[in-house]
Amino acid sequence: MLVTDLARIEKLSKQKENENWQFRSFLRSGRVSSRRIDAIVQRLNKEVTPQIDCTKCANCCKTIAPTLDAQDIATFAKGLAMPPEQLKSQHLRQDEEGFTFNAKTCPFLVDNKCSNYDHRPKACVSYPHLHKDGFVSRTIGVIDNCSICPIVFNVFERLKDELRYDDEPSASEEVF
């Protein structure tokens, strides 16, 4: 059953925190190949994503500050018909990783939709990153995103089910 209520997802993510960290260790153990995990995650992502309307949620735009590089800034500014320097001075702040929006909720989120959608930063276009290879190397971020994104939460829970993971697998058990 698909879970979409954000309050319930946040609560369940907290309840499952230890289990999720143990599952991360299981994924990193090599008992299941990274290639197979990527294939399963990408398939689950394709199954779950169409069932969730991101515009009903937009929690990622309300809670995550994407890092923008120079190309992102130029593209986003062009979509707003403003010079990149104006975008930086009015809406961005610089940190050790690059530029991010200066407000917790993206200042360009209007009615749970990006008002500059066709010019979004690469991190926004790619979120929640489940279509990419290298899932196992990103599991810290995935666990963080379980409490933020219904897609991530549901894919991660289904991945545990599909790999028949429980938090105390027997030493001789193989999962393939």
N, C-alpha and C. Protein backbone atom coordinates (compact mmCIF):
# COMPACT_ATOMS: atom_id res chain seq x y z
N MET A 1 0.84 -1.19 0.00
CA MET A 1 0.00 0.00 0.00
C MET A 1 0.89 1.25 0.00
N LEU A 2 0.57 2.18 -0.83
CA LEU A 2 1.33 3.41 -0.98
C LEU A 2 1.02 4.38 0.16
N VAL A 3 2.06 4.92 0.78
CA VAL A 3 1.88 5.91 1.84
C VAL A 3 2.21 7.27 1.25
N THR A 4 1.26 8.21 1.36
CA THR A 4 1.49 9.55 0.80
C THR A 4 1.33 10.67 1.80
N ASP A 5 0.72 10.40 2.94
CA ASP A 5 0.53 11.43 3.95
C ASP A 5 1.88 11.81 4.56
N LEU A 6 2.27 13.08 4.42
CA LEU A 6 3.60 13.51 4.88
C LEU A 6 3.81 13.34 6.37
N ALA A 7 2.79 13.61 7.16
CA ALA A 7 2.93 13.45 8.62
C ALA A 7 3.17 11.98 8.96
N ARG A 8 2.46 11.10 8.30
CA ARG A 8 2.65 9.66 8.54
C ARG A 8 4.03 9.21 8.06
N ILE A 9 4.46 9.71 6.92
CA ILE A 9 5.78 9.35 6.39
C ILE A 9 6.88 9.81 7.34
N GLU A 10 6.76 11.02 7.85
CA GLU A 10 7.76 11.53 8.79
C GLU A 10 7.79 10.67 10.06
N LYS A 11 6.61 10.33 10.57
CA LYS A 11 6.53 9.51 11.78
C LYS A 11 7.11 8.12 11.53
N LEU A 12 6.72 7.49 10.44
CA LEU A 12 7.23 6.16 10.12
C LEU A 12 8.73 6.17 9.88
N SER A 13 9.23 7.22 9.24
CA SER A 13 10.67 7.33 8.99
C SER A 13 11.44 7.39 10.29
N LYS A 14 10.92 8.12 11.26
CA LYS A 14 11.57 8.17 12.57
C LYS A 14 11.52 6.82 13.25
N GLN A 15 10.37 6.15 13.18
CA GLN A 15 10.24 4.83 13.79
C GLN A 15 11.17 3.81 13.15
N LYS A 16 11.41 3.96 11.85
CA LYS A 16 12.21 3.00 11.10
C LYS A 16 13.68 3.42 10.97
N GLU A 17 14.09 4.45 11.68
CA GLU A 17 15.44 4.98 11.50
C GLU A 17 16.52 3.91 11.72
N ASN A 18 16.46 3.19 12.83
CA ASN A 18 17.46 2.15 13.08
C ASN A 18 17.42 1.06 12.02
N GLU A 19 16.20 0.64 11.68
CA GLU A 19 16.04 -0.37 10.63
C GLU A 19 16.64 0.12 9.31
N ASN A 20 16.41 1.39 8.97
CA ASN A 20 16.94 1.93 7.72
C ASN A 20 18.46 1.96 7.71
N TRP A 21 19.07 2.29 8.84
CA TRP A 21 20.54 2.30 8.91
C TRP A 21 21.09 0.88 8.82
N GLN A 22 20.39 -0.08 9.43
CA GLN A 22 20.82 -1.48 9.32
C GLN A 22 20.65 -1.97 7.88
N PHE A 23 19.58 -1.54 7.23
CA PHE A 23 19.37 -1.91 5.83
C PHE A 23 20.46 -1.32 4.95
N ARG A 24 20.87 -0.10 5.25
CA ARG A 24 21.97 0.51 4.51
C ARG A 24 23.23 -0.35 4.63
N SER A 25 23.51 -0.82 5.84
CA SER A 25 24.68 -1.70 6.04
C SER A 25 24.54 -2.98 5.22
N PHE A 26 23.33 -3.53 5.21
CA PHE A 26 23.05 -4.72 4.41
C PHE A 26 23.33 -4.43 2.92
N LEU A 27 22.82 -3.31 2.42
CA LEU A 27 23.03 -2.97 1.01
C LEU A 27 24.51 -2.80 0.69
N ARG A 28 25.25 -2.22 1.60
CA ARG A 28 26.68 -1.98 1.38
C ARG A 28 27.52 -3.24 1.60
N SER A 29 26.94 -4.29 2.14
CA SER A 29 27.68 -5.51 2.45
C SER A 29 28.14 -6.26 1.20
N GLY A 30 27.51 -6.02 0.08
CA GLY A 30 27.86 -6.72 -1.14
C GLY A 30 27.12 -8.03 -1.33
N ARG A 31 26.23 -8.37 -0.41
CA ARG A 31 25.46 -9.61 -0.55
C ARG A 31 24.54 -9.55 -1.76
N VAL A 32 24.17 -8.36 -2.16
CA VAL A 32 23.40 -8.13 -3.38
C VAL A 32 24.22 -7.15 -4.20
N SER A 33 24.42 -7.43 -5.46
CA SER A 33 25.28 -6.57 -6.28
C SER A 33 24.68 -5.17 -6.43
N SER A 34 25.55 -4.20 -6.51
CA SER A 34 25.11 -2.81 -6.72
C SER A 34 24.31 -2.67 -8.00
N ARG A 35 24.72 -3.40 -9.02
CA ARG A 35 24.01 -3.35 -10.31
C ARG A 35 22.57 -3.85 -10.14
N ARG A 36 22.40 -4.93 -9.38
CA ARG A 36 21.05 -5.46 -9.16
C ARG A 36 20.22 -4.49 -8.32
N ILE A 37 20.83 -3.91 -7.31
CA ILE A 37 20.11 -2.93 -6.47
C ILE A 37 19.67 -1.75 -7.32
N ASP A 38 20.57 -1.24 -8.16
CA ASP A 38 20.21 -0.12 -9.04
C ASP A 38 19.02 -0.50 -9.93
N ALA A 39 19.05 -1.69 -10.49
CA ALA A 39 17.96 -2.12 -11.37
C ALA A 39 16.64 -2.20 -10.61
N ILE A 40 16.66 -2.74 -9.41
CA ILE A 40 15.44 -2.86 -8.61
C ILE A 40 14.92 -1.47 -8.25
N VAL A 41 15.81 -0.60 -7.77
CA VAL A 41 15.40 0.75 -7.36
C VAL A 41 14.81 1.50 -8.55
N GLN A 42 15.45 1.39 -9.71
CA GLN A 42 14.95 2.11 -10.89
C GLN A 42 13.59 1.57 -11.32
N ARG A 43 13.39 0.26 -11.23
CA ARG A 43 12.08 -0.31 -11.56
C ARG A 43 11.03 0.14 -10.56
N LEU A 44 11.36 0.08 -9.27
CA LEU A 44 10.41 0.52 -8.24
C LEU A 44 10.09 2.01 -8.41
N ASN A 45 11.08 2.80 -8.74
CA ASN A 45 10.87 4.23 -8.97
C ASN A 45 9.87 4.44 -10.11
N LYS A 46 10.00 3.66 -11.18
CA LYS A 46 9.08 3.78 -12.31
C LYS A 46 7.66 3.34 -11.93
N GLU A 47 7.55 2.42 -10.97
CA GLU A 47 6.24 1.97 -10.52
C GLU A 47 5.59 2.98 -9.57
N VAL A 48 6.38 3.55 -8.67
CA VAL A 48 5.85 4.42 -7.62
C VAL A 48 5.60 5.84 -8.12
N THR A 49 6.52 6.40 -8.85
CA THR A 49 6.45 7.82 -9.24
C THR A 49 5.14 8.22 -9.90
N PRO A 50 4.62 7.45 -10.87
CA PRO A 50 3.36 7.86 -11.50
C PRO A 50 2.15 7.87 -10.55
N GLN A 51 2.29 7.22 -9.41
CA GLN A 51 1.17 7.15 -8.46
C GLN A 51 1.16 8.32 -7.48
N ILE A 52 2.18 9.16 -7.55
CA ILE A 52 2.29 10.28 -6.61
C ILE A 52 2.31 11.59 -7.37
N ASP A 53 1.44 12.50 -6.99
CA ASP A 53 1.37 13.82 -7.60
C ASP A 53 2.25 14.76 -6.79
N CYS A 54 3.42 15.06 -7.32
CA CYS A 54 4.37 15.92 -6.60
C CYS A 54 3.81 17.31 -6.31
N THR A 55 2.88 17.77 -7.12
CA THR A 55 2.31 19.10 -6.89
C THR A 55 1.34 19.11 -5.71
N LYS A 56 0.96 17.96 -5.22
CA LYS A 56 0.15 17.89 -4.00
C LYS A 56 1.06 17.96 -2.77
N CYS A 57 2.33 17.74 -2.97
CA CYS A 57 3.30 17.64 -1.88
C CYS A 57 4.27 18.82 -1.89
N ALA A 58 5.17 18.82 -2.86
CA ALA A 58 6.22 19.84 -3.00
C ALA A 58 7.09 19.97 -1.75
N ASN A 59 7.13 18.92 -0.94
CA ASN A 59 7.90 18.98 0.30
C ASN A 59 9.39 19.17 0.03
N CYS A 60 9.88 18.64 -1.07
CA CYS A 60 11.30 18.83 -1.40
C CYS A 60 11.59 20.33 -1.59
N CYS A 61 10.70 21.04 -2.24
CA CYS A 61 10.89 22.48 -2.48
C CYS A 61 10.73 23.30 -1.20
N LYS A 62 10.09 22.70 -0.21
CA LYS A 62 9.87 23.38 1.06
C LYS A 62 10.97 23.10 2.08
N THR A 63 11.73 22.02 1.87
CA THR A 63 12.67 21.60 2.91
C THR A 63 14.11 21.40 2.47
N ILE A 64 14.35 21.25 1.18
CA ILE A 64 15.71 20.97 0.69
C ILE A 64 16.22 22.17 -0.10
N ALA A 65 17.45 22.55 0.17
CA ALA A 65 18.07 23.65 -0.57
C ALA A 65 19.05 23.06 -1.58
N PRO A 66 18.68 23.04 -2.86
CA PRO A 66 19.59 22.48 -3.86
C PRO A 66 20.80 23.38 -4.07
N THR A 67 21.91 22.76 -4.42
CA THR A 67 23.11 23.53 -4.76
C THR A 67 23.06 23.86 -6.24
N LEU A 68 23.28 25.13 -6.55
CA LEU A 68 23.27 25.60 -7.93
C LEU A 68 24.69 25.93 -8.37
N ASP A 69 25.08 25.45 -9.54
CA ASP A 69 26.38 25.83 -10.10
C ASP A 69 26.18 27.01 -11.05
N ALA A 70 27.25 27.45 -11.67
CA ALA A 70 27.19 28.63 -12.55
C ALA A 70 26.20 28.43 -13.69
N GLN A 71 26.17 27.23 -14.26
CA GLN A 71 25.24 26.96 -15.36
C GLN A 71 23.80 27.01 -14.86
N ASP A 72 23.54 26.43 -13.69
CA ASP A 72 22.19 26.49 -13.11
C ASP A 72 21.75 27.93 -12.91
N ILE A 73 22.64 28.74 -12.38
CA ILE A 73 22.32 30.14 -12.10
C ILE A 73 22.01 30.88 -13.39
N ALA A 74 22.84 30.67 -14.42
CA ALA A 74 22.63 31.34 -15.70
C ALA A 74 21.29 30.91 -16.32
N THR A 75 21.01 29.63 -16.30
CA THR A 75 19.77 29.11 -16.89
C THR A 75 18.54 29.58 -16.11
N PHE A 76 18.62 29.50 -14.78
CA PHE A 76 17.49 29.92 -13.96
C PHE A 76 17.23 31.41 -14.13
N ALA A 77 18.29 32.21 -14.12
CA ALA A 77 18.15 33.66 -14.29
C ALA A 77 17.55 33.99 -15.66
N LYS A 78 17.99 33.29 -16.68
CA LYS A 78 17.46 33.52 -18.03
C LYS A 78 15.95 33.28 -18.05
N GLY A 79 15.50 32.21 -17.38
CA GLY A 79 14.07 31.91 -17.31
C GLY A 79 13.28 32.98 -16.58
N LEU A 80 13.95 33.70 -15.69
CA LEU A 80 13.31 34.79 -14.95
C LEU A 80 13.49 36.13 -15.63
N ALA A 81 14.21 36.14 -16.74
CA ALA A 81 14.53 37.37 -17.47
C ALA A 81 15.24 38.37 -16.56
N MET A 82 16.22 37.86 -15.81
CA MET A 82 17.02 38.74 -14.96
C MET A 82 18.48 38.35 -15.08
N PRO A 83 19.37 39.28 -14.85
CA PRO A 83 20.80 38.95 -14.91
C PRO A 83 21.17 37.99 -13.76
N PRO A 84 22.12 37.08 -14.00
CA PRO A 84 22.54 36.15 -12.96
C PRO A 84 22.96 36.86 -11.66
N GLU A 85 23.61 37.99 -11.76
CA GLU A 85 24.03 38.71 -10.55
C GLU A 85 22.84 39.17 -9.73
N GLN A 86 21.77 39.56 -10.39
CA GLN A 86 20.56 39.96 -9.67
C GLN A 86 19.93 38.76 -8.96
N LEU A 87 19.90 37.62 -9.65
CA LEU A 87 19.39 36.40 -9.02
C LEU A 87 20.21 36.08 -7.77
N LYS A 88 21.52 36.16 -7.90
CA LYS A 88 22.40 35.88 -6.75
C LYS A 88 22.13 36.83 -5.59
N SER A 89 22.06 38.10 -5.89
CA SER A 89 21.93 39.09 -4.82
C SER A 89 20.54 39.06 -4.16
N GLN A 90 19.51 38.73 -4.92
CA GLN A 90 18.16 38.76 -4.38
C GLN A 90 17.68 37.42 -3.79
N HIS A 91 18.14 36.31 -4.35
CA HIS A 91 17.53 35.02 -3.99
C HIS A 91 18.49 33.92 -3.58
N LEU A 92 19.79 34.16 -3.69
CA LEU A 92 20.75 33.09 -3.40
C LEU A 92 21.70 33.48 -2.29
N ARG A 93 22.27 32.47 -1.66
CA ARG A 93 23.35 32.68 -0.71
C ARG A 93 24.43 31.67 -1.06
N GLN A 94 25.65 32.01 -0.74
CA GLN A 94 26.76 31.11 -1.05
C GLN A 94 27.21 30.40 0.22
N ASP A 95 27.44 29.10 0.09
CA ASP A 95 28.01 28.34 1.19
C ASP A 95 29.22 27.59 0.65
N GLU A 96 29.74 26.66 1.44
CA GLU A 96 30.97 25.96 1.03
C GLU A 96 30.77 25.07 -0.20
N GLU A 97 29.54 24.68 -0.50
CA GLU A 97 29.28 23.82 -1.66
C GLU A 97 28.91 24.59 -2.92
N GLY A 98 28.52 25.84 -2.78
CA GLY A 98 28.09 26.63 -3.92
C GLY A 98 26.98 27.57 -3.51
N PHE A 99 26.06 27.82 -4.42
CA PHE A 99 24.93 28.70 -4.15
C PHE A 99 23.67 27.89 -3.88
N THR A 100 22.87 28.37 -2.94
CA THR A 100 21.56 27.78 -2.65
C THR A 100 20.57 28.93 -2.50
N PHE A 101 19.28 28.60 -2.54
CA PHE A 101 18.27 29.63 -2.31
C PHE A 101 18.37 30.13 -0.88
N ASN A 102 18.09 31.41 -0.69
CA ASN A 102 18.28 32.03 0.63
C ASN A 102 17.08 31.87 1.56
N ALA A 103 16.08 31.16 1.13
CA ALA A 103 14.90 30.90 1.98
C ALA A 103 14.71 29.39 2.08
N LYS A 104 14.22 28.94 3.22
CA LYS A 104 14.02 27.49 3.40
C LYS A 104 13.07 26.94 2.35
N THR A 105 11.92 27.57 2.18
CA THR A 105 11.03 27.20 1.08
C THR A 105 11.52 27.94 -0.15
N CYS A 106 11.64 27.24 -1.25
CA CYS A 106 12.11 27.87 -2.49
C CYS A 106 11.26 29.09 -2.79
N PRO A 107 11.88 30.24 -3.02
CA PRO A 107 11.11 31.45 -3.28
C PRO A 107 10.34 31.41 -4.61
N PHE A 108 10.59 30.40 -5.42
CA PHE A 108 9.92 30.30 -6.71
C PHE A 108 8.83 29.23 -6.71
N LEU A 109 8.50 28.73 -5.52
CA LEU A 109 7.42 27.77 -5.38
C LEU A 109 6.10 28.54 -5.23
N VAL A 110 5.19 28.32 -6.17
CA VAL A 110 3.89 28.99 -6.17
C VAL A 110 2.81 27.92 -6.35
N ASP A 111 1.92 27.82 -5.38
CA ASP A 111 0.86 26.79 -5.41
C ASP A 111 1.45 25.40 -5.64
N ASN A 112 2.53 25.10 -4.92
CA ASN A 112 3.22 23.80 -4.99
C ASN A 112 3.80 23.48 -6.36
N LYS A 113 4.05 24.50 -7.15
CA LYS A 113 4.65 24.32 -8.47
C LYS A 113 5.79 25.31 -8.64
N CYS A 114 6.80 24.91 -9.40
CA CYS A 114 7.92 25.80 -9.67
C CYS A 114 7.49 26.84 -10.71
N SER A 115 7.63 28.09 -10.35
CA SER A 115 7.24 29.15 -11.28
C SER A 115 8.26 29.34 -12.41
N ASN A 116 9.39 28.63 -12.32
CA ASN A 116 10.42 28.70 -13.36
C ASN A 116 10.78 27.26 -13.78
N TYR A 117 9.76 26.43 -13.90
CA TYR A 117 9.90 24.99 -14.08
C TYR A 117 10.83 24.59 -15.23
N ASP A 118 10.69 25.21 -16.37
CA ASP A 118 11.50 24.83 -17.53
C ASP A 118 12.97 25.21 -17.39
N HIS A 119 13.31 25.92 -16.34
CA HIS A 119 14.69 26.39 -16.14
C HIS A 119 15.25 25.96 -14.78
N ARG A 120 14.66 24.91 -14.20
CA ARG A 120 15.07 24.44 -12.87
C ARG A 120 16.54 24.02 -12.83
N PRO A 121 17.16 24.14 -11.66
CA PRO A 121 18.53 23.63 -11.47
C PRO A 121 18.57 22.12 -11.68
N LYS A 122 19.73 21.62 -12.05
CA LYS A 122 19.89 20.19 -12.31
C LYS A 122 19.48 19.34 -11.11
N ALA A 123 19.80 19.79 -9.90
CA ALA A 123 19.44 19.02 -8.70
C ALA A 123 17.93 18.89 -8.56
N CYS A 124 17.20 19.92 -8.96
CA CYS A 124 15.73 19.87 -8.88
C CYS A 124 15.16 18.95 -9.95
N VAL A 125 15.70 19.03 -11.16
CA VAL A 125 15.24 18.18 -12.26
C VAL A 125 15.45 16.72 -11.90
N SER A 126 16.56 16.42 -11.28
CA SER A 126 16.96 15.05 -11.00
C SER A 126 16.31 14.44 -9.74
N TYR A 127 15.81 15.29 -8.84
CA TYR A 127 15.27 14.80 -7.58
C TYR A 127 14.07 13.89 -7.82
N PRO A 128 13.97 12.78 -7.13
CA PRO A 128 14.71 12.33 -5.96
C PRO A 128 15.91 11.42 -6.26
N HIS A 129 16.42 11.47 -7.45
CA HIS A 129 17.67 10.82 -7.86
C HIS A 129 17.61 9.29 -7.89
N LEU A 130 16.43 8.72 -7.87
CA LEU A 130 16.30 7.27 -7.84
C LEU A 130 16.49 6.62 -9.21
N HIS A 131 16.51 7.41 -10.25
CA HIS A 131 16.71 6.90 -11.60
C HIS A 131 18.19 6.70 -11.92
N LYS A 132 19.06 7.19 -11.06
CA LYS A 132 20.51 7.15 -11.31
C LYS A 132 21.13 5.85 -10.81
N ASP A 133 22.22 5.47 -11.44
CA ASP A 133 23.03 4.37 -10.93
C ASP A 133 23.76 4.83 -9.67
N GLY A 134 24.28 3.88 -8.92
CA GLY A 134 25.05 4.21 -7.72
C GLY A 134 24.20 4.44 -6.48
N PHE A 135 23.03 3.80 -6.44
CA PHE A 135 22.12 3.97 -5.31
C PHE A 135 22.81 3.69 -3.98
N VAL A 136 23.57 2.61 -3.90
CA VAL A 136 24.19 2.22 -2.63
C VAL A 136 25.12 3.31 -2.12
N SER A 137 25.79 4.01 -3.01
CA SER A 137 26.71 5.07 -2.58
C SER A 137 25.98 6.31 -2.08
N ARG A 138 24.68 6.40 -2.33
CA ARG A 138 23.89 7.57 -1.93
C ARG A 138 22.92 7.28 -0.80
N THR A 139 23.07 6.16 -0.11
CA THR A 139 22.05 5.74 0.86
C THR A 139 21.93 6.66 2.07
N ILE A 140 22.96 7.39 2.43
CA ILE A 140 22.80 8.34 3.54
C ILE A 140 21.76 9.39 3.15
N GLY A 141 21.90 9.94 1.96
CA GLY A 141 20.92 10.91 1.47
C GLY A 141 19.55 10.30 1.27
N VAL A 142 19.51 9.05 0.84
CA VAL A 142 18.23 8.37 0.65
C VAL A 142 17.50 8.25 1.98
N ILE A 143 18.22 7.85 3.02
CA ILE A 143 17.58 7.72 4.34
C ILE A 143 17.06 9.08 4.80
N ASP A 144 17.84 10.13 4.59
CA ASP A 144 17.37 11.48 4.92
C ASP A 144 16.11 11.82 4.13
N ASN A 145 16.09 11.47 2.85
CA ASN A 145 14.97 11.80 1.98
C ASN A 145 13.73 10.95 2.24
N CYS A 146 13.87 9.84 2.95
CA CYS A 146 12.70 9.01 3.28
C CYS A 146 11.66 9.81 4.06
N SER A 147 12.10 10.73 4.90
CA SER A 147 11.14 11.51 5.69
C SER A 147 10.63 12.74 4.95
N ILE A 148 11.17 13.01 3.77
CA ILE A 148 10.83 14.20 2.99
C ILE A 148 9.95 13.88 1.79
N CYS A 149 10.27 12.79 1.11
CA CYS A 149 9.65 12.51 -0.18
C CYS A 149 8.86 11.20 -0.16
N PRO A 150 7.57 11.25 -0.47
CA PRO A 150 6.78 10.02 -0.53
C PRO A 150 7.32 9.00 -1.53
N ILE A 151 7.89 9.47 -2.62
CA ILE A 151 8.45 8.53 -3.61
C ILE A 151 9.61 7.77 -2.97
N VAL A 152 10.53 8.47 -2.35
CA VAL A 152 11.70 7.83 -1.74
C VAL A 152 11.25 6.87 -0.64
N PHE A 153 10.35 7.33 0.22
CA PHE A 153 9.88 6.48 1.31
C PHE A 153 9.32 5.16 0.76
N ASN A 154 8.43 5.26 -0.20
CA ASN A 154 7.77 4.06 -0.73
C ASN A 154 8.73 3.16 -1.50
N VAL A 155 9.64 3.73 -2.26
CA VAL A 155 10.62 2.92 -2.99
C VAL A 155 11.53 2.19 -1.99
N PHE A 156 11.99 2.89 -0.96
CA PHE A 156 12.89 2.29 0.02
C PHE A 156 12.19 1.15 0.77
N GLU A 157 10.94 1.36 1.16
CA GLU A 157 10.19 0.31 1.85
C GLU A 157 9.96 -0.90 0.93
N ARG A 158 9.66 -0.65 -0.32
CA ARG A 158 9.45 -1.75 -1.27
C ARG A 158 10.76 -2.48 -1.56
N LEU A 159 11.86 -1.74 -1.56
CA LEU A 159 13.17 -2.37 -1.76
C LEU A 159 13.45 -3.35 -0.62
N LYS A 160 13.15 -2.94 0.61
CA LYS A 160 13.33 -3.84 1.76
C LYS A 160 12.46 -5.09 1.58
N ASP A 161 11.22 -4.89 1.17
CA ASP A 161 10.32 -6.03 0.97
C ASP A 161 10.83 -6.95 -0.14
N GLU A 162 11.26 -6.35 -1.23
CA GLU A 162 11.68 -7.14 -2.38
C GLU A 162 12.94 -7.95 -2.07
N LEU A 163 13.82 -7.37 -1.30
CA LEU A 163 15.04 -8.11 -0.93
C LEU A 163 14.82 -8.99 0.29
N ARG A 164 13.56 -9.03 0.73
CA ARG A 164 13.17 -9.83 1.89
C ARG A 164 14.07 -9.54 3.08
N TYR A 165 14.36 -8.27 3.26
CA TYR A 165 15.24 -7.84 4.35
C TYR A 165 14.45 -7.76 5.65
N ASP A 166 15.00 -8.33 6.68
CA ASP A 166 14.54 -7.99 8.03
C ASP A 166 15.80 -7.61 8.80
N ASP A 167 15.63 -6.91 9.87
CA ASP A 167 16.80 -6.31 10.51
C ASP A 167 17.69 -7.31 11.24
N GLU A 168 17.34 -8.59 11.18
CA GLU A 168 18.21 -9.61 11.76
C GLU A 168 18.28 -10.82 10.84
N PRO A 169 18.88 -10.66 9.64
CA PRO A 169 18.96 -11.80 8.73
C PRO A 169 19.93 -12.85 9.28
N SER A 170 19.66 -14.10 8.96
CA SER A 170 20.56 -15.16 9.40
C SER A 170 21.88 -15.06 8.66
N ALA A 171 22.94 -15.52 9.28
CA ALA A 171 24.28 -15.43 8.70
C ALA A 171 24.40 -16.19 7.39
N SER A 172 23.64 -17.26 7.25
CA SER A 172 23.76 -18.08 6.04
C SER A 172 22.81 -17.65 4.92
N GLU A 173 21.91 -16.73 5.21
CA GLU A 173 20.89 -16.31 4.24
C GLU A 173 21.54 -15.56 3.09
N GLU A 174 21.20 -15.93 1.86
CA GLU A 174 21.65 -15.21 0.69
C GLU A 174 20.44 -14.58 0.03
N VAL A 175 20.60 -13.35 -0.43
CA VAL A 175 19.50 -12.65 -1.07
C VAL A 175 19.91 -12.31 -2.49
N PHE A 176 19.35 -13.05 -3.45
CA PHE A 176 19.66 -12.81 -4.86
C PHE A 176 18.47 -12.89 -5.72
